[in-house]
Amino acid sequence: MQSPSPPVLKERLRSEVLARRDALDREFRDEAARRIVASALGFPDLNDVTPVGGYWPIRSEVDPRPLMEALIERGQDVALSQILHPHLSWRLWQPGDVLVKGGFGVREPGPNAPEVFPKALIVPLVAFDRRGGRIGYGKGHFDRAIAALEAQHPVLTIGLAYAVQEIDEVPVEPHDRLLDVVITEAELIRTVS
């Protein structure tokens, strides 16, 4: 019997892990997010890196807003992704900035916010493995964004996730970009790539 292709396997894993993530109690998610933020702020490789690209949370994702606000408080610039399908642009963001509804219902800065090219990215994900493999929502936006930024300069990639999102092995395709670090409520994982 032939095993499923990577895209088919990713879709199956995406459904399974989204169900696990969605099933997490709201109180648990809030406490886990606080732990994740504390771990990220204590991560020395993220100190003094600017600008840092982030994301506006959707569904049951780890909420990166407290982390992004803390980075700004310590003097780092933060940018949010703007979907220009099939690519992402990065626009400077400050708490309180007016956001517009972008592609896929994601809140994002308007076109007048200054564009920047992050040196570090806080990356959303559905599933991850210890090699830095990541399954997103299947559109490839962050993989393309990481590749485009890497063509300009080194980029530190940090995935934020709950521990229940870990899987044994992400089926990696040629276009997939591995993460440098994954931070969960339980640990900071320096990936092995």
Protein backbone atom coordinates (compact mmCIF):
# COMPACT_ATOMS: atom_id res chain seq x y z
CA MET A 1 0.00 0.00 0.00
CA GLN A 2 1.28 3.42 -0.96
CA SER A 3 1.67 5.94 1.88
CA PRO A 4 -0.13 9.29 1.54
CA SER A 5 1.64 12.18 -0.17
CA PRO A 6 3.08 14.92 2.10
CA PRO A 7 0.21 17.36 1.36
CA VAL A 8 -2.41 14.71 2.18
CA LEU A 9 -0.57 13.66 5.33
CA LYS A 10 -0.18 17.32 6.39
CA GLU A 11 -3.91 17.89 5.99
CA ARG A 12 -4.69 14.86 8.15
CA LEU A 13 -2.18 15.98 10.82
CA ARG A 14 -3.50 19.55 10.64
CA SER A 15 -7.03 18.37 11.43
CA GLU A 16 -5.88 16.15 14.30
CA VAL A 17 -3.66 18.76 15.95
CA LEU A 18 -6.14 21.62 15.48
CA ALA A 19 -8.70 19.49 17.33
CA ARG A 20 -6.23 18.98 20.20
CA ARG A 21 -5.38 22.70 20.32
CA ASP A 22 -9.02 23.77 20.12
CA ALA A 23 -9.88 21.40 22.99
CA LEU A 24 -7.53 23.19 25.40
CA ASP A 25 -9.34 24.98 28.20
CA ARG A 26 -9.29 28.79 27.90
CA GLU A 27 -7.77 29.18 31.37
CA PHE A 28 -5.00 26.72 30.47
CA ARG A 29 -4.30 28.57 27.21
CA ASP A 30 -4.03 31.91 29.05
CA GLU A 31 -1.60 30.52 31.64
CA ALA A 32 0.39 28.69 28.97
CA ALA A 33 0.66 31.90 26.93
CA ARG A 34 2.07 33.73 29.97
CA ARG A 35 4.74 31.04 30.34
CA ILE A 36 5.56 31.16 26.63
CA VAL A 37 5.95 34.97 26.74
CA ALA A 38 8.25 34.77 29.80
CA SER A 39 10.39 32.13 28.09
CA ALA A 40 10.61 34.15 24.86
CA LEU A 41 11.58 37.33 26.72
CA GLY A 42 14.33 35.43 28.53
CA PHE A 43 15.68 33.91 25.31
CA PRO A 44 19.05 35.66 24.79
CA ASP A 45 19.08 35.23 20.99
CA LEU A 46 16.00 37.48 20.78
CA ASN A 47 17.56 40.29 22.83
CA ASP A 48 18.30 43.41 20.81
CA VAL A 49 17.06 41.93 17.52
CA THR A 50 15.03 44.50 15.63
CA PRO A 51 12.67 44.57 13.90
CA VAL A 52 10.77 41.48 15.02
CA GLY A 53 7.90 40.28 12.84
CA GLY A 54 4.82 38.88 14.52
CA TYR A 55 1.26 37.85 13.78
CA TRP A 56 -2.25 38.72 14.93
CA PRO A 57 -3.76 35.59 16.50
CA ILE A 58 -6.67 33.72 15.00
CA ARG A 59 -8.61 30.72 16.23
CA SER A 60 -6.96 29.07 19.24
CA GLU A 61 -3.37 30.12 18.43
CA VAL A 62 -0.96 31.19 21.13
CA ASP A 63 -1.59 34.94 21.52
CA PRO A 64 1.70 36.74 20.74
CA ARG A 65 0.39 40.24 21.54
CA PRO A 66 1.73 40.36 25.13
CA LEU A 67 5.14 39.28 23.80
CA MET A 68 5.07 41.88 21.01
CA GLU A 69 4.08 44.61 23.48
CA ALA A 70 6.91 43.59 25.85
CA LEU A 71 9.42 43.67 22.96
CA ILE A 72 8.32 47.21 22.12
CA GLU A 73 8.61 48.20 25.80
CA ARG A 74 12.22 47.07 25.83
CA GLY A 75 13.01 49.08 22.70
CA GLN A 76 12.61 46.63 19.84
CA ASP A 77 10.54 47.47 16.76
CA VAL A 78 7.70 45.08 15.98
CA ALA A 79 5.97 44.52 12.66
CA LEU A 80 2.81 42.62 11.84
CA SER A 81 2.31 40.56 8.74
CA GLN A 82 0.12 41.89 5.96
CA ILE A 83 -1.15 39.30 3.48
CA LEU A 84 -0.50 40.23 -0.13
CA HIS A 85 -1.41 36.76 -1.38
CA PRO A 86 0.63 34.71 -2.04
CA HIS A 87 3.23 36.76 -0.09
CA LEU A 88 3.53 38.58 3.22
CA SER A 89 4.68 42.14 3.76
CA TRP A 90 5.78 43.36 7.21
CA ARG A 91 4.44 46.67 8.52
CA LEU A 92 5.51 48.42 11.72
CA TRP A 93 2.99 48.13 14.53
CA GLN A 94 2.38 49.75 17.90
CA PRO A 95 -0.35 48.84 20.40
CA GLY A 96 -3.42 50.92 19.62
CA ASP A 97 -2.71 51.19 15.88
CA VAL A 98 -5.81 50.85 13.74
CA LEU A 99 -5.84 47.48 12.02
CA VAL A 100 -7.82 46.48 8.96
CA LYS A 101 -9.37 43.13 8.09
CA GLY A 102 -7.02 41.45 5.65
CA GLY A 103 -6.93 38.16 3.82
CA PHE A 104 -8.41 35.17 5.65
CA GLY A 105 -9.99 37.54 8.20
CA VAL A 106 -6.64 38.36 9.83
CA ARG A 107 -6.23 41.80 11.43
CA GLU A 108 -3.29 43.63 9.89
CA PRO A 109 -1.78 47.10 9.53
CA GLY A 110 -3.00 49.28 6.70
CA PRO A 111 -0.91 50.01 3.61
CA ASN A 112 0.36 53.30 5.05
CA ALA A 113 2.26 51.65 7.91
CA PRO A 114 6.01 51.63 7.11
CA GLU A 115 7.29 48.41 5.56
CA VAL A 116 10.24 46.69 7.28
CA PHE A 117 12.22 43.49 6.82
CA PRO A 118 12.36 41.61 10.14
CA LYS A 119 15.54 40.03 11.49
CA ALA A 120 13.45 37.69 13.66
CA LEU A 121 9.99 36.22 13.11
CA ILE A 122 7.46 34.99 15.66
CA VAL A 123 5.69 32.30 13.68
CA PRO A 124 2.23 30.79 14.21
CA LEU A 125 1.79 27.09 13.68
CA VAL A 126 -0.61 24.20 13.86
CA ALA A 127 1.92 21.41 14.49
CA PHE A 128 5.69 21.11 14.96
CA ASP A 129 8.44 18.57 15.49
CA ARG A 130 11.82 18.80 17.20
CA ARG A 131 13.66 19.28 13.91
CA GLY A 132 11.85 22.58 13.42
CA GLY A 133 9.34 21.17 10.96
CA ARG A 134 6.12 23.16 11.02
CA ILE A 135 2.61 22.69 9.69
CA GLY A 136 0.69 25.92 9.20
CA TYR A 137 -2.70 26.49 7.64
CA GLY A 138 -1.58 25.26 4.23
CA LYS A 139 -1.17 28.46 2.21
CA GLY A 140 2.64 28.71 2.58
CA HIS A 141 2.67 32.41 3.50
CA PHE A 142 5.24 32.11 6.29
CA ASP A 143 7.46 29.69 4.35
CA ARG A 144 7.64 32.19 1.46
CA ALA A 145 8.18 35.10 3.86
CA ILE A 146 11.05 33.33 5.62
CA ALA A 147 12.67 32.44 2.28
CA ALA A 148 12.34 36.04 1.03
CA LEU A 149 13.86 37.47 4.22
CA GLU A 150 16.66 34.87 4.24
CA ALA A 151 17.63 36.08 0.75
CA GLN A 152 18.35 39.50 2.36
CA HIS A 153 19.83 38.59 5.76
CA PRO A 154 19.83 35.90 8.45
CA VAL A 155 16.44 35.47 10.16
CA LEU A 156 15.79 33.95 13.58
CA THR A 157 12.52 31.98 13.38
CA ILE A 158 10.62 31.30 16.60
CA GLY A 159 7.47 29.19 16.62
CA LEU A 160 4.96 29.65 19.45
CA ALA A 161 2.88 26.60 20.35
CA TYR A 162 1.26 24.61 23.10
CA ALA A 163 3.05 21.35 23.97
CA VAL A 164 0.04 19.34 22.68
CA GLN A 165 0.87 20.58 19.18
CA GLU A 166 4.08 18.55 19.01
CA ILE A 167 4.09 15.56 16.64
CA ASP A 168 6.78 12.98 15.94
CA GLU A 169 7.59 14.11 12.44
CA VAL A 170 6.32 16.82 10.12
CA PRO A 171 6.37 15.69 6.48
CA VAL A 172 8.75 18.30 5.06
CA GLU A 173 8.49 19.39 1.44
CA PRO A 174 11.16 21.32 -0.53
CA HIS A 175 9.44 24.70 0.03
CA ASP A 176 9.11 24.24 3.81
CA ARG A 177 11.38 26.32 6.06
CA LEU A 178 12.49 24.81 9.35
CA LEU A 179 12.16 26.85 12.54
CA ASP A 180 15.19 27.68 14.69
CA VAL A 181 13.30 27.52 17.98
CA VAL A 182 9.87 26.42 19.22
CA ILE A 183 8.65 27.78 22.55
CA THR A 184 5.88 25.98 24.44
CA GLU A 185 4.58 26.38 27.98
CA ALA A 186 6.78 23.41 28.94
CA GLU A 187 10.11 24.22 27.29
CA LEU A 188 12.19 26.15 24.80
CA ILE A 189 13.23 23.76 22.03
CA ARG A 190 16.31 24.59 19.99
CA THR A 191 15.57 22.57 16.90
CA VAL A 192 17.87 20.06 15.29
CA SER A 193 18.02 20.69 11.57
